[in-house]
Protein backbone atom coordinates (compact mmCIF):
# COMPACT_ATOMS: atom_id res chain seq x y z
CA MET A 1 0.00 0.00 0.00
CA ARG A 2 1.27 3.48 -0.82
CA GLN A 3 2.49 5.40 2.18
CA HIS A 4 0.77 8.61 3.16
CA VAL A 5 3.05 11.64 3.16
CA ASP A 6 1.99 14.92 4.74
CA ILE A 7 2.99 17.88 2.58
CA PRO A 8 3.15 21.17 4.48
CA GLY A 9 0.54 23.62 3.23
CA HIS A 10 -1.60 20.92 1.56
CA PRO A 11 -4.68 19.24 3.02
CA ALA A 12 -3.91 15.79 4.38
CA VAL A 13 -5.93 13.16 2.51
CA HIS A 14 -5.07 9.57 3.26
CA PRO A 15 -5.06 7.36 0.12
CA ALA A 16 -7.88 5.25 1.54
CA GLY A 17 -9.84 8.27 2.71
CA SER A 18 -12.91 9.72 1.08
CA GLY A 19 -11.27 12.99 0.02
CA VAL A 20 -11.60 14.04 -3.61
CA GLY A 21 -7.82 14.36 -4.14
CA TYR A 22 -6.87 10.70 -4.04
CA PRO A 23 -9.76 9.22 -6.09
CA VAL A 24 -9.29 11.78 -8.86
CA GLY A 25 -5.50 11.42 -8.88
CA ALA A 26 -5.66 7.62 -8.81
CA GLY A 27 -8.34 7.65 -11.51
CA LEU A 28 -6.14 9.80 -13.72
CA GLY A 29 -3.19 7.49 -13.07
CA ILE A 30 -5.21 4.39 -13.96
CA GLY A 31 -6.63 6.00 -17.11
CA LEU A 32 -3.19 7.17 -18.24
CA ALA A 33 -1.71 3.72 -17.57
CA PHE A 34 -4.30 2.21 -19.92
CA GLY A 35 -3.17 4.74 -22.54
CA VAL A 36 0.46 3.73 -22.06
CA VAL A 37 -0.46 0.03 -22.40
CA ALA A 38 -2.50 0.71 -25.56
CA ARG A 39 0.47 2.48 -27.16
CA ALA A 40 2.92 -0.22 -26.03
CA VAL A 41 0.95 -3.18 -27.43
CA ALA A 42 0.61 -1.33 -30.74
CA ASP A 43 4.38 -0.77 -30.83
CA ALA A 44 5.08 -4.39 -29.86
CA SER A 45 2.77 -5.93 -32.46
CA GLY A 46 3.22 -3.52 -35.34
CA TYR A 47 -0.56 -3.10 -35.66
CA ARG A 48 -1.80 0.46 -35.33
CA PRO A 49 -5.39 0.62 -34.07
CA GLY A 50 -7.70 3.34 -35.34
CA GLU A 51 -8.44 6.59 -33.57
CA GLY A 52 -10.10 6.73 -30.18
CA GLY A 53 -9.36 6.49 -26.49
CA ALA A 54 -7.12 3.89 -24.90
CA LEU A 55 -9.93 1.40 -24.25
CA VAL A 56 -11.19 1.71 -27.85
CA ARG A 57 -7.64 1.23 -29.22
CA LEU A 58 -7.06 -1.80 -26.95
CA ALA A 59 -10.32 -3.38 -28.14
CA ASP A 60 -9.40 -2.67 -31.78
CA TRP A 61 -5.92 -4.15 -31.25
CA ALA A 62 -7.29 -7.28 -29.53
CA GLY A 63 -9.79 -7.76 -32.36
CA HIS A 64 -7.10 -7.92 -35.07
CA PRO A 65 -4.55 -10.61 -34.07
CA GLU A 66 -4.06 -11.53 -37.73
CA ALA A 67 -2.46 -8.10 -38.29
CA TRP A 68 0.17 -8.54 -35.56
CA ARG A 69 3.72 -9.12 -36.77
CA THR A 70 4.80 -12.47 -35.35
CA GLY A 71 8.53 -11.83 -34.73
CA PRO A 72 8.15 -8.55 -32.83
CA MET A 73 5.17 -9.88 -30.88
CA LEU A 74 7.09 -13.01 -29.81
CA LEU A 75 10.03 -10.83 -28.74
CA ALA A 76 7.67 -8.63 -26.68
CA LEU A 77 6.21 -11.73 -25.00
CA ALA A 78 9.72 -13.12 -24.33
CA THR A 79 10.71 -9.75 -22.84
CA ALA A 80 7.64 -9.76 -20.60
CA VAL A 81 8.42 -13.30 -19.39
CA LEU A 82 12.04 -12.35 -18.64
CA LEU A 83 10.88 -9.23 -16.78
CA ILE A 84 8.40 -11.22 -14.70
CA ARG A 85 11.08 -13.79 -13.87
CA SER A 86 13.55 -11.04 -12.94
CA VAL A 87 11.09 -9.51 -10.47
CA ARG A 88 10.77 -12.88 -8.77
CA LEU A 89 14.51 -12.84 -8.04
CA PRO A 90 14.62 -10.10 -5.40
CA ARG A 91 18.34 -10.46 -4.72
CA LEU A 92 19.03 -8.95 -8.17
CA GLY A 93 17.17 -5.76 -7.23
CA PRO A 94 16.98 -3.16 -10.01
CA ALA A 95 19.66 -5.05 -11.96
CA GLY A 96 17.14 -7.85 -12.64
CA PRO A 97 14.96 -5.95 -15.11
CA LEU A 98 18.10 -4.42 -16.65
CA LEU A 99 19.56 -7.90 -17.26
CA ALA A 100 16.20 -9.11 -18.63
CA VAL A 101 16.07 -6.20 -21.09
CA ALA A 102 19.69 -6.73 -22.17
CA LEU A 103 19.03 -10.44 -22.75
CA ALA A 104 15.82 -9.74 -24.68
CA SER A 105 17.54 -7.08 -26.80
CA GLY A 106 20.35 -9.50 -27.65
CA LEU A 107 17.80 -12.19 -28.49
CA GLY A 108 15.91 -9.82 -30.78
CA LEU A 109 19.03 -8.64 -32.57
CA ALA A 110 20.32 -12.22 -32.94
CA SER A 111 17.01 -13.31 -34.47
CA GLY A 112 17.24 -10.60 -37.12
CA LEU A 113 14.81 -8.01 -35.77
CA PRO A 114 16.21 -4.62 -36.72
CA PRO A 115 16.91 -1.97 -34.10
CA ALA A 116 15.07 1.31 -34.55
CA ARG A 117 14.80 4.72 -33.00
CA LEU A 118 11.78 4.95 -30.77
CA PRO A 119 9.03 7.42 -31.62
CA ALA A 120 8.70 10.52 -29.45
CA ALA A 121 5.57 9.17 -27.73
CA GLU A 122 7.40 6.01 -26.62
CA LEU A 123 10.39 8.03 -25.39
CA ALA A 124 7.97 10.24 -23.43
CA ALA A 125 6.34 7.14 -21.87
CA LEU A 126 9.77 5.77 -20.89
CA THR A 127 10.70 9.15 -19.35
CA ALA A 128 7.44 9.31 -17.37
CA LEU A 129 7.87 5.75 -16.12
CA VAL A 130 11.43 6.49 -14.96
CA VAL A 131 9.86 8.97 -12.53
CA LEU A 132 6.46 7.40 -11.85
CA GLY A 133 6.92 3.68 -12.50
CA PRO A 134 8.13 0.92 -10.19
CA TYR A 135 11.57 1.57 -8.72
CA ARG A 136 12.84 -1.88 -9.76
CA ASP A 137 12.43 -0.95 -13.43
CA ARG A 138 14.28 2.39 -13.34
CA TRP A 139 17.71 1.13 -14.44
CA ALA A 140 16.17 -0.78 -17.33
CA LEU A 141 13.99 2.20 -18.27
CA LEU A 142 16.97 4.57 -18.26
CA ALA A 143 19.03 2.14 -20.37
CA LEU A 144 16.21 1.74 -22.88
CA LEU A 145 15.62 5.48 -22.96
CA GLY A 146 19.20 6.00 -24.16
CA ALA A 147 19.28 2.96 -26.45
CA GLY A 148 15.87 3.82 -27.91
CA ALA A 149 16.86 7.42 -28.61
CA LEU A 150 19.96 6.15 -30.46
CA GLY A 151 18.12 3.35 -32.26
CA LEU A 152 20.05 0.45 -30.72
CA VAL A 153 17.23 -1.94 -29.71
CA PRO A 154 14.28 -3.62 -31.45
CA PRO A 155 11.14 -1.58 -30.58
CA SER A 156 9.38 -4.61 -29.06
CA VAL A 157 11.74 -4.65 -26.05
CA PRO A 158 10.98 -1.15 -24.74
CA ALA A 159 7.31 -1.62 -25.63
CA ALA A 160 7.17 -4.72 -23.42
CA LEU A 161 8.97 -2.98 -20.55
CA VAL A 162 6.64 0.03 -20.78
CA ALA A 163 3.56 -2.23 -20.78
CA CYS A 164 4.85 -4.32 -17.85
CA SER A 165 5.74 -1.22 -15.81
CA ALA A 166 2.35 0.37 -16.48
CA LEU A 167 0.52 -2.85 -15.58
CA ARG A 168 2.57 -3.20 -12.38
CA THR A 169 1.68 0.39 -11.50
CA LEU A 170 -2.00 -0.45 -12.10
CA ALA A 171 -1.70 -3.52 -9.89
CA GLY A 172 -0.38 -1.29 -7.10
CA TYR A 173 -3.79 0.35 -6.85
CA VAL A 174 -5.71 -2.90 -6.28
CA PRO A 175 -5.22 -3.21 -2.48
CA GLU A 176 -6.23 0.43 -1.99
CA LEU A 177 -9.37 0.12 -4.08
CA ARG A 178 -10.84 -2.34 -1.59
CA THR A 179 -10.63 0.20 1.22
CA LEU A 180 -12.25 3.15 -0.54
CA PRO A 181 -15.74 4.27 0.42
CA ALA A 182 -18.33 3.81 -2.35
CA SER A 183 -18.42 7.51 -3.30
CA ALA A 184 -14.63 7.70 -3.61
CA ALA A 185 -14.53 4.46 -5.62
CA LEU A 186 -17.18 5.83 -7.98
CA THR A 187 -15.17 9.04 -8.45
CA LEU A 188 -12.01 7.03 -9.10
CA TRP A 189 -13.59 4.74 -11.73
CA ALA A 190 -15.43 7.61 -13.43
CA THR A 191 -12.17 9.56 -13.69
CA ALA A 192 -10.27 6.48 -14.92
CA ALA A 193 -12.93 5.71 -17.56
CA ALA A 194 -13.10 9.32 -18.76
CA THR A 195 -9.31 9.49 -19.02
CA ALA A 196 -9.02 6.14 -20.81
CA LEU A 197 -11.77 7.04 -23.28
CA LEU A 198 -10.23 10.39 -24.27
């Protein structure tokens, strides 16, 4: 559960409280995370969904598996598996995701997937996740930010890391959601849905 921090000069609202601040902020975070995931799966698969909000793009993407490029999609899945395994080895700390990303990048390059410069939107997502995402992923995110800007890795690797980090951030909200009063939960989900549909 996220720790409550009192900021001088700001009203104290505990994350599980009924104040408007937390439900709106969490709702925005959840909605934006869905947007990051929608962009990442499009980058990983090579299929670009039509216009619309994150939920519409995710539904469009899921409805067109025949348009996904097999090689990049398999590399994204392999990267996700390596990242999940690295998190389950706590003694590696932040080096675990970094090693997983390095291994996945090498695997992608060895299998003939070309490296490419990442689009500005993906670089922006990596930058945001360096600050807002799980601490364990920060080394890997920073490494991919540099490698992606220089065009040294296949795009599926950073896309998988971005999606995994965003999903892990989403999962961090789950324990808190159970403790929210009904009015705060309604505010949170309405904000998340509005953000994800924009």
